[in-house]
Protein backbone atom coordinates (compact mmCIF):
# COMPACT_ATOMS: atom_id res chain seq x y z
CA UNK A 1 8.57 30.06 6.77
CA UNK A 2 6.68 27.18 8.38
CA UNK A 3 5.04 24.37 6.42
CA UNK A 4 1.87 22.65 7.60
CA UNK A 5 1.72 18.92 6.81
CA UNK A 6 -1.69 17.33 7.38
CA UNK A 7 -1.62 13.61 8.18
CA UNK A 8 1.05 11.50 9.88
CA UNK A 9 0.79 8.43 7.69
CA UNK A 10 3.75 7.30 5.63
CA UNK A 11 3.43 10.15 3.12
CA UNK A 12 3.03 12.87 5.75
CA UNK A 13 5.91 11.61 7.87
CA UNK A 14 8.20 11.38 4.84
CA UNK A 15 7.24 14.90 3.74
CA UNK A 16 7.85 16.34 7.22
CA UNK A 17 11.18 14.50 7.44
CA UNK A 18 12.37 15.85 4.10
CA UNK A 19 11.45 19.39 5.14
CA UNK A 20 13.26 19.07 8.46
CA UNK A 21 16.34 17.62 6.74
CA UNK A 22 16.32 20.70 4.51
CA UNK A 23 16.16 22.97 7.57
CA UNK A 24 12.51 23.96 7.19
CA UNK A 25 10.26 24.27 10.25
CA UNK A 26 7.22 22.01 9.96
CA UNK A 27 3.97 21.54 11.87
CA UNK A 28 2.65 18.01 11.44
CA UNK A 29 -1.08 17.59 12.14
CA UNK A 30 -2.48 14.18 13.10
CA UNK A 31 -6.04 13.56 14.31
CA UNK A 32 -5.09 10.43 16.27
CA UNK A 33 -5.55 9.67 19.14
CA UNK A 34 -8.51 12.06 19.34
CA UNK A 35 -10.11 10.45 16.29
CA UNK A 36 -9.41 7.29 14.31
CA UNK A 37 -10.36 6.34 10.74
CA UNK A 38 -12.40 3.15 10.23
CA UNK A 39 -9.26 1.16 9.33
CA UNK A 40 -6.72 2.49 11.82
CA UNK A 41 -6.48 1.44 15.47
CA UNK A 42 -2.90 2.11 16.61
CA UNK A 43 -1.87 5.42 18.20
CA UNK A 44 1.43 5.65 16.37
CA UNK A 45 2.30 7.35 13.08
CA UNK A 46 2.76 5.53 9.75
CA UNK A 47 0.33 2.78 10.75
CA UNK A 48 0.20 -0.18 8.37
CA UNK A 49 -2.84 -2.40 7.82
CA UNK A 50 -0.83 -5.58 7.15
CA UNK A 51 2.72 -6.70 7.84
CA UNK A 52 4.05 -7.42 4.36
CA UNK A 53 3.26 -3.98 3.05
CA UNK A 54 6.54 -2.95 1.49
CA UNK A 55 6.65 -5.55 -1.30
CA UNK A 56 9.56 -7.23 -3.10
CA UNK A 57 13.18 -6.54 -2.21
CA UNK A 58 15.02 -7.47 -5.40
CA UNK A 59 16.20 -4.54 -7.51
CA UNK A 60 14.90 -6.20 -10.67
CA UNK A 61 11.31 -5.64 -9.54
CA UNK A 62 9.19 -2.50 -9.59
CA UNK A 63 8.89 -2.40 -5.81
CA UNK A 64 12.55 -3.16 -5.21
CA UNK A 65 13.57 -0.44 -7.64
CA UNK A 66 11.29 2.11 -5.99
CA UNK A 67 12.55 1.27 -2.51
CA UNK A 68 16.16 1.73 -3.62
CA UNK A 69 15.24 5.14 -5.08
CA UNK A 70 13.66 6.02 -1.74
CA UNK A 71 16.82 5.06 0.13
CA UNK A 72 18.90 7.31 -2.10
CA UNK A 73 16.44 10.15 -1.47
CA UNK A 74 16.84 9.80 2.30
CA UNK A 75 13.70 7.84 3.16
CA UNK A 76 12.64 7.64 6.80
CA UNK A 77 10.35 4.71 5.93
CA UNK A 78 13.24 2.64 4.62
CA UNK A 79 15.41 3.39 7.66
CA UNK A 80 12.67 2.33 10.08
CA UNK A 81 11.71 -0.69 7.98
CA UNK A 82 15.27 -1.97 8.17
CA UNK A 83 15.15 -1.73 11.97
CA UNK A 84 11.83 -3.57 12.29
CA UNK A 85 11.78 -6.05 9.41
CA UNK A 86 10.57 -9.64 9.77
CA UNK A 87 11.36 -12.64 7.61
CA UNK A 88 9.20 -12.82 4.46
CA UNK A 89 11.19 -14.58 1.77
CA UNK A 90 11.99 -12.13 -1.02
CA UNK A 91 9.74 -9.38 0.35
CA UNK A 92 10.35 -6.56 2.84
CA UNK A 93 7.89 -7.07 5.69
CA UNK A 94 7.88 -5.29 9.03
CA UNK A 95 6.47 -5.74 12.49
CA UNK A 96 3.67 -3.20 12.25
CA UNK A 97 3.74 -1.81 15.80
CA UNK A 98 7.54 -1.65 16.06
CA UNK A 99 7.68 0.06 12.67
CA UNK A 100 5.07 2.64 13.69
CA UNK A 101 6.84 3.24 16.98
CA UNK A 102 10.17 3.77 15.21
CA UNK A 103 8.72 6.34 12.80
CA UNK A 104 6.85 8.11 15.59
CA UNK A 105 9.95 8.37 17.76
CA UNK A 106 12.07 9.78 14.92
CA UNK A 107 9.44 12.37 14.01
CA UNK A 108 8.76 13.50 17.58
CA UNK A 109 12.46 13.79 18.41
CA UNK A 110 13.18 16.05 15.41
CA UNK A 111 13.49 19.63 16.71
CA UNK A 112 12.24 21.23 13.48
CA UNK A 113 8.99 19.23 13.55
CA UNK A 114 6.15 20.24 15.84
CA UNK A 115 3.38 17.64 16.20
CA UNK A 116 -0.18 18.91 16.71
CA UNK A 117 -2.74 16.24 17.61
CA UNK A 118 -6.04 17.50 16.27
CA UNK A 119 -8.29 17.04 13.26
CA UNK A 120 -7.95 19.58 10.45
CA UNK A 121 -11.29 20.27 8.75
CA UNK A 122 -10.35 23.17 6.48
CA UNK A 123 -7.37 23.56 4.14
CA UNK A 124 -5.07 26.10 5.85
CA UNK A 125 -3.60 29.13 4.15
CA UNK A 126 0.09 29.29 3.36
CA UNK A 127 2.47 26.43 2.66
CA UNK A 128 0.56 23.17 3.00
CA UNK A 129 1.05 19.49 2.19
CA UNK A 130 -2.13 17.38 2.40
CA UNK A 131 -1.22 13.76 3.10
CA UNK A 132 -4.39 12.50 4.76
CA UNK A 133 -4.49 9.22 2.91
CA UNK A 134 -7.31 7.22 1.39
CA UNK A 135 -9.53 7.68 4.45
CA UNK A 136 -9.53 11.47 4.68
CA UNK A 137 -11.96 12.63 7.38
CA UNK A 138 -15.31 14.00 6.24
CA UNK A 139 -14.68 17.63 7.19
CA UNK A 140 -11.39 17.96 5.33
CA UNK A 141 -12.72 15.88 2.44
CA UNK A 142 -15.49 18.43 1.93
CA UNK A 143 -12.97 21.27 1.99
CA UNK A 144 -10.80 19.48 -0.59
CA UNK A 145 -13.85 18.77 -2.70
CA UNK A 146 -14.76 22.45 -2.78
CA UNK A 147 -11.26 23.30 -3.93
CA UNK A 148 -10.77 20.46 -6.40
CA UNK A 149 -14.24 20.06 -7.84
CA UNK A 150 -14.09 16.55 -9.27
CA UNK A 151 -13.60 14.00 -6.52
CA UNK A 152 -13.45 10.22 -6.91
CA UNK A 153 -14.20 7.23 -4.66
CA UNK A 154 -13.30 3.58 -4.66
CA UNK A 155 -13.30 0.78 -2.10
CA UNK A 156 -10.56 -1.19 -0.44
CA UNK A 157 -10.65 -4.31 1.71
CA UNK A 158 -8.41 -5.95 4.32
CA UNK A 159 -7.75 -9.65 4.97
CA UNK A 160 -8.34 -11.56 8.24
CA UNK A 161 -5.59 -12.63 10.65
CA UNK A 162 -5.42 -15.95 12.54
CA UNK A 163 -3.15 -17.23 15.30
CA UNK A 164 -0.34 -19.59 14.34
CA UNK A 165 -1.08 -22.02 17.14
CA UNK A 166 -4.62 -22.53 15.82
CA UNK A 167 -3.40 -23.66 12.36
CA UNK A 168 -3.36 -27.44 11.88
CA UNK A 169 0.16 -27.96 10.50
CA UNK A 170 -0.55 -31.62 9.84
CA UNK A 171 -2.58 -30.38 6.87
CA UNK A 172 -0.58 -27.22 6.03
CA UNK A 173 3.12 -26.82 5.24
CA UNK A 174 5.80 -24.15 5.09
CA UNK A 175 7.16 -23.33 1.62
CA UNK A 176 7.98 -20.46 -0.72
CA UNK A 177 6.79 -20.65 -4.32
CA UNK A 178 9.42 -22.36 -6.53
CA UNK A 179 11.60 -22.61 -3.43
CA UNK A 180 12.58 -18.93 -3.71
CA UNK A 181 13.82 -17.39 -0.48
CA UNK A 182 13.09 -18.87 2.91
CA UNK A 183 9.99 -21.00 3.48
CA UNK A 184 8.13 -18.15 5.14
CA UNK A 185 4.63 -18.88 3.85
CA UNK A 186 2.21 -21.38 5.35
CA UNK A 187 0.41 -23.20 2.54
CA UNK A 188 -3.01 -24.80 2.89
CA UNK A 189 -3.50 -27.20 -0.07
CA UNK A 190 -6.89 -28.14 -1.51
CA UNK A 191 -7.94 -30.98 -3.75
CA UNK A 192 -10.65 -30.47 -6.37
CA UNK A 193 -13.56 -31.51 -4.13
CA UNK A 194 -12.38 -29.29 -1.26
CA UNK A 195 -11.96 -26.35 -3.60
CA UNK A 196 -15.42 -26.72 -5.15
CA UNK A 197 -17.09 -26.92 -1.73
CA UNK A 198 -15.19 -23.84 -0.59
CA UNK A 199 -15.97 -21.95 -3.81
CA UNK A 200 -19.71 -22.60 -3.55
CA UNK A 201 -19.80 -21.56 0.10
CA UNK A 202 -17.85 -18.39 -0.65
CA UNK A 203 -19.99 -17.12 -3.52
CA UNK A 204 -23.15 -17.74 -1.51
CA UNK A 205 -21.90 -16.17 1.74
CA UNK A 206 -23.53 -13.01 3.08
CA UNK A 207 -21.69 -9.71 2.83
CA UNK A 208 -21.74 -7.01 5.49
CA UNK A 209 -24.01 -4.03 4.74
CA UNK A 210 -22.41 -0.76 3.71
CA UNK A 211 -23.31 2.61 5.12
CA UNK A 212 -25.84 4.60 3.15
CA UNK A 213 -23.30 7.06 1.71
CA UNK A 214 -21.28 4.17 0.22
CA UNK A 215 -24.08 2.29 -1.50
CA UNK A 216 -24.11 4.48 -4.60
CA UNK A 217 -20.54 3.37 -5.34
CA UNK A 218 -21.41 -0.31 -5.86
CA UNK A 219 -20.53 -1.82 -9.21
CA UNK A 220 -22.73 -4.46 -10.85
CA UNK A 221 -20.40 -7.34 -9.98
CA UNK A 222 -19.58 -6.27 -6.43
CA UNK A 223 -17.52 -3.32 -5.35
CA UNK A 224 -15.96 -0.49 -7.27
CA UNK A 225 -12.45 -1.40 -6.17
CA UNK A 226 -8.81 -1.16 -7.16
CA UNK A 227 -8.02 -4.53 -8.79
CA UNK A 228 -5.10 -5.23 -6.44
CA UNK A 229 -7.46 -5.14 -3.43
CA UNK A 230 -10.42 -7.07 -4.85
CA UNK A 231 -12.51 -8.74 -2.10
CA UNK A 232 -12.07 -12.50 -2.45
CA UNK A 233 -15.82 -13.11 -2.71
CA UNK A 234 -16.10 -10.61 -5.58
CA UNK A 235 -13.15 -12.24 -7.37
CA UNK A 236 -14.74 -15.69 -6.92
CA UNK A 237 -17.98 -14.57 -8.54
CA UNK A 238 -16.11 -13.82 -11.76
CA UNK A 239 -15.75 -17.53 -12.44
CA UNK A 240 -15.13 -20.85 -10.75
CA UNK A 241 -11.42 -20.96 -11.63
CA UNK A 242 -10.65 -17.25 -11.20
CA UNK A 243 -9.18 -17.71 -7.72
CA UNK A 244 -6.98 -20.57 -8.95
CA UNK A 245 -5.31 -18.15 -11.35
CA UNK A 246 -5.05 -15.49 -8.65
CA UNK A 247 -4.38 -15.75 -4.91
CA UNK A 248 -5.10 -19.52 -4.80
CA UNK A 249 -2.78 -20.47 -7.66
CA UNK A 250 -0.91 -23.72 -6.90
CA UNK A 251 2.00 -23.27 -9.32
CA UNK A 252 5.48 -23.64 -7.87
CA UNK A 253 4.27 -25.57 -4.82
CA UNK A 254 4.34 -29.28 -3.97
CA UNK A 255 2.25 -30.82 -1.22
CA UNK A 256 4.73 -32.91 0.84
CA UNK A 257 1.94 -35.30 1.79
CA UNK A 258 1.24 -36.30 -1.82
CA UNK A 259 4.39 -35.23 -3.69
CA UNK A 260 2.15 -33.48 -6.24
CA UNK A 261 1.01 -29.97 -6.99
CA UNK A 262 -2.32 -29.23 -5.21
CA UNK A 263 -5.46 -28.23 -7.08
CA UNK A 264 -5.45 -24.90 -5.22
CA UNK A 265 -3.43 -23.35 -2.37
CA UNK A 266 -4.25 -20.71 0.24
CA UNK A 267 -1.13 -18.99 1.58
CA UNK A 268 -0.66 -17.32 4.97
CA UNK A 269 2.06 -14.82 5.81
CA UNK A 270 3.49 -13.82 9.20
CA UNK A 271 1.83 -10.72 10.63
CA UNK A 272 4.39 -10.00 13.34
CA UNK A 273 8.05 -10.64 14.15
CA UNK A 274 7.21 -13.35 16.64
CA UNK A 275 5.27 -15.36 14.07
CA UNK A 276 2.29 -15.74 16.39
CA UNK A 277 -0.23 -14.29 13.91
CA UNK A 278 -0.72 -14.98 10.20
CA UNK A 279 -2.50 -13.01 7.49
CA UNK A 280 -4.53 -14.96 4.89
CA UNK A 281 -2.91 -13.70 1.68
CA UNK A 282 -5.27 -12.21 -0.90
CA UNK A 283 -8.35 -12.70 1.28
CA UNK A 284 -9.49 -9.09 1.51
CA UNK A 285 -13.18 -9.38 2.21
CA UNK A 286 -16.45 -7.70 3.11
CA UNK A 287 -18.22 -10.82 4.35
CA UNK A 288 -20.01 -10.69 7.70
CA UNK A 289 -17.74 -11.81 10.52
CA UNK A 290 -19.79 -14.96 11.20
CA UNK A 291 -19.64 -15.86 7.52
CA UNK A 292 -15.88 -15.37 7.48
CA UNK A 293 -15.53 -17.79 10.39
CA UNK A 294 -17.83 -20.34 8.71
CA UNK A 295 -16.42 -20.19 5.17
CA UNK A 296 -12.72 -19.68 5.89
CA UNK A 297 -12.78 -22.52 8.41
CA UNK A 298 -13.44 -24.80 5.42
CA UNK A 299 -9.84 -24.22 4.34
CA UNK A 300 -7.72 -27.32 5.18
CA UNK A 301 -5.67 -26.49 8.26
CA UNK A 302 -7.93 -23.62 9.33
CA UNK A 303 -10.85 -25.72 10.61
CA UNK A 304 -10.18 -24.50 14.15
CA UNK A 305 -8.54 -21.19 13.29
CA UNK A 306 -8.66 -18.45 15.91
CA UNK A 307 -9.35 -15.14 14.18
CA UNK A 308 -7.50 -12.22 15.74
CA UNK A 309 -8.98 -9.82 13.20
CA UNK A 310 -11.72 -10.33 10.65
CA UNK A 311 -11.52 -8.79 7.21
CA UNK A 312 -13.11 -5.39 6.72
CA UNK A 313 -13.97 -3.12 3.81
CA UNK A 314 -13.72 0.65 3.83
CA UNK A 315 -13.93 3.56 1.46
CA UNK A 316 -10.85 5.01 -0.21
CA UNK A 317 -10.77 8.47 -1.72
CA UNK A 318 -8.48 10.12 -4.22
CA UNK A 319 -8.45 13.32 -6.25
CA UNK A 320 -8.45 13.55 -10.02
CA UNK A 321 -4.74 14.33 -10.02
CA UNK A 322 -4.15 14.57 -13.82
CA UNK A 323 -6.52 17.54 -13.90
CA UNK A 324 -5.23 19.11 -10.69
CA UNK A 325 -1.55 18.43 -9.95
CA UNK A 326 1.84 19.09 -11.49
CA UNK A 327 4.35 16.25 -11.58
CA UNK A 328 5.99 17.77 -8.47
CA UNK A 329 2.70 16.99 -6.62
CA UNK A 330 1.72 20.64 -6.14
CA UNK A 331 -1.59 22.07 -7.28
CA UNK A 332 -1.93 23.96 -10.52
CA UNK A 333 -2.90 27.50 -9.66
CA UNK A 334 -1.70 27.24 -6.04
CA UNK A 335 1.99 26.38 -6.10
CA UNK A 336 2.39 26.18 -2.32
CA UNK A 337 -0.33 23.54 -1.86
CA UNK A 338 1.00 19.99 -2.33
CA UNK A 339 -0.75 16.63 -2.08
CA UNK A 340 1.02 13.38 -1.19
CA UNK A 341 0.13 9.74 -0.67
CA UNK A 342 -2.77 7.64 -1.82
CA UNK A 343 -5.08 10.63 -2.05
CA UNK A 344 -3.11 11.53 -5.22
CA UNK A 345 -3.81 8.17 -6.86
CA UNK A 346 -0.49 6.47 -6.19
CA UNK A 347 -1.57 3.05 -4.95
CA UNK A 348 0.32 1.28 -2.18
CA UNK A 349 2.32 1.98 0.95
CA UNK A 350 5.74 2.43 -0.59
CA UNK A 351 4.30 4.48 -3.45
CA UNK A 352 2.57 6.65 -0.88
CA UNK A 353 5.73 7.12 1.15
CA UNK A 354 7.77 7.88 -1.98
CA UNK A 355 5.33 10.59 -3.05
CA UNK A 356 5.69 12.15 0.40
CA UNK A 357 9.46 12.28 -0.04
CA UNK A 358 9.06 14.02 -3.39
CA UNK A 359 6.43 16.49 -2.16
CA UNK A 360 8.53 17.40 0.87
CA UNK A 361 11.68 17.82 -1.21
CA UNK A 362 9.92 20.16 -3.63
CA UNK A 363 8.15 22.15 -0.94
CA UNK A 364 11.53 22.78 0.69
CA UNK A 365 12.97 23.97 -2.61
CA UNK A 366 9.97 26.24 -3.18
CA UNK A 367 10.48 27.91 0.19
CA UNK A 368 14.22 28.25 -0.43
CA UNK A 369 13.60 29.93 -3.79
CA UNK A 370 15.07 27.05 -5.75
CA UNK A 371 13.55 25.54 -8.91
CA UNK A 372 11.34 22.52 -8.32
CA UNK A 373 12.72 19.10 -9.21
CA UNK A 374 11.40 16.79 -11.91
CA UNK A 375 12.64 13.24 -11.56
CA UNK A 376 13.91 11.32 -14.62
CA UNK A 377 11.13 9.38 -16.31
CA UNK A 378 13.40 6.32 -16.16
CA UNK A 379 13.01 6.25 -12.36
CA UNK A 380 10.00 4.53 -10.84
CA UNK A 381 9.03 7.57 -8.78
CA UNK A 382 9.54 9.82 -11.79
CA UNK A 383 7.28 7.61 -13.88
CA UNK A 384 4.60 7.56 -11.19
CA UNK A 385 4.72 11.33 -10.79
CA UNK A 386 4.29 11.76 -14.52
CA UNK A 387 1.42 9.25 -14.58
CA UNK A 388 -0.61 11.03 -11.89
CA UNK A 389 -0.06 14.43 -13.52
CA UNK A 390 -0.69 13.56 -17.17
CA UNK A 391 -3.48 15.97 -18.25
CA UNK A 392 -4.36 13.79 -21.25
CA UNK A 393 -5.67 11.02 -18.98
CA UNK A 394 -9.47 10.94 -19.18
CA UNK A 395 -10.47 8.10 -16.84
CA UNK A 396 -7.94 8.27 -14.04
CA UNK A 397 -7.45 5.20 -11.86
CA UNK A 398 -4.90 4.60 -9.07
CA UNK A 399 -1.54 3.21 -10.12
CA UNK A 400 1.02 1.25 -8.17
CA UNK A 401 4.64 0.87 -9.17
CA UNK A 402 5.16 -1.46 -12.14
CA UNK A 403 7.68 -1.88 -14.94
CA UNK A 404 5.04 -1.08 -17.55
CA UNK A 405 5.06 2.65 -16.77
CA UNK A 406 8.79 2.98 -17.50
CA UNK A 407 10.26 3.81 -20.94
CA UNK A 408 11.48 0.84 -22.97
CA UNK A 409 15.17 0.04 -23.25
CA UNK A 410 17.03 0.88 -26.41
CA UNK A 411 18.12 -2.76 -26.65
CA UNK A 412 16.16 -6.00 -26.73
CA UNK A 413 16.81 -8.33 -23.79
CA UNK A 414 14.85 -11.57 -23.93
CA UNK A 415 15.56 -12.71 -20.39
CA UNK A 416 12.90 -11.00 -18.24
CA UNK A 417 14.93 -10.90 -15.05
CA UNK A 418 17.97 -9.44 -16.79
CA UNK A 419 15.77 -6.94 -18.66
CA UNK A 420 14.20 -5.69 -15.45
CA UNK A 421 17.57 -5.47 -13.71
CA UNK A 422 18.89 -3.42 -16.65
CA UNK A 423 15.86 -1.10 -16.49
CA UNK A 424 16.37 -0.63 -12.76
CA UNK A 425 20.09 0.01 -13.20
CA UNK A 426 19.37 2.64 -15.84
CA UNK A 427 16.88 4.44 -13.60
CA UNK A 428 19.11 4.40 -10.54
CA UNK A 429 22.06 5.72 -12.54
CA UNK A 430 19.87 8.56 -13.85
CA UNK A 431 18.71 9.33 -10.32
CA UNK A 432 22.30 9.44 -9.05
CA UNK A 433 23.26 11.88 -11.79
CA UNK A 434 20.34 14.14 -10.94
CA UNK A 435 21.13 14.07 -7.22
CA UNK A 436 24.78 14.90 -7.86
CA UNK A 437 23.68 17.96 -9.84
CA UNK A 438 21.46 19.10 -6.97
C-alpha cells in the first residue's frame, strides 16, 4: 500500500524517510520548482529561512532534548544537519543550501520514495500525510478548510541579512553572552543616546502594505503573530525599554572599547558556513525595504551595511488540532489521514521535523496492522503531541518545545541546569524503554 506525503519540507521529508525505513512505498509531492511560496526561493527540499534554525545543542535544554529524541528515532534532519553544520556557539546551525541539498539527495536516492513535482490542490483518497507547512498553497488550503471546518491564521516575519565585509568591526565585536561557547556572534553596542534615536526612528518607520486577504488578521497593536516571531517594530511599540529586555538585551556582554556593559546590543549571527553573510538576530520585520535600510543603518557598525536580503512578513496557517487530531497526528474520523509540521500548531523547524518523524512512524504501523504508538509524556515530542491533541484546549495557539510542557519531577532540584538535565535524562530513558519494546 502506497502512502502519499504532500510537501517536501522538514516534516514531509522526515515522514517519507520513516515510511521508507519501514519498507513502505511513498510518493512525495512537492510543488517546487513549478511554484514557490512567498518565503521560499531555493529549489531543494527542507528549505530553511535562516541558518540557526535548529536551536540549542545542550541536552539540558528543550531544543537539545528534542533533537536527541529525534536522533534516537532515526531523524534524517539530524543526520544532514551534522554534515552541514556551521559554528554557532551552543546552538546547532547549518549552512542552509548544503543542508537542503543533503536532504534532497537522500530523499531522491531512496528507492522506496517516488518524488512528484506538482502542486496538490485536493486532499487525495487513501493513505495521506499532509505536511505542507505554514504557507500551504491556496488550493489545498481550501480543500483542508472544507474538511476541517475551523481554520486559523497568524503571521510570521523574517529578519534581514547583511554581508560581513560591510560591517564596521571597529564599532562591533565578536562575543558570546557570558562567554559561553565560541565567540560566534557579532555584537553592535549602543549607548543610551544611540538607542533612543534608533527607537524613535523604528517606531515611526513605515511598514509594507499587506495584501487585501491578510488585512482582516491585523491586531490592534500590530500583527496577529506568534510571540517568538514578533516583528521588531511591533515589539518596540510596546514600550521604550521592551527591546532592551528582549533581542537587544545587553546582559552578559562587555564592550571591549569601554570595558562596560552597553546600554543595548544588537547581535548578528552567521548565515552561511563561510561567514560571509550575517543575520540580524531578532529583527523579523515588515518595514518597507527603504525604511529597513534607513533605520537599521543607524545601528553602530551597520552604517554602511550591504543588505543581501531584507526582512519580509508572510502569512502562516495552522489547523485547530485539539479539535481535529489524535496525539499520533492522524485525524479523528479518518485514521489514514495524518498531518505533520507547523500546520498542526507545533512551532519551529525542529518541532516540525519531529512531528514528521512521528506521523511517518505511525502511518507505517497503521499500514502494517500494528497498534499506533503514543510517546511517553516525559519526552519532549510526547508532550508536544499531547499538547496539540488536547480536546480541552479552547483557544489553541502554536507551541514550540519548552520545559514547561513536561511533567514535574518527583524531587525538588534547586539548580536549574541540573533540574533540566535530570528532566531530559528521565525523558530519554523513557523513550529508550519504549523503543526497546517496539
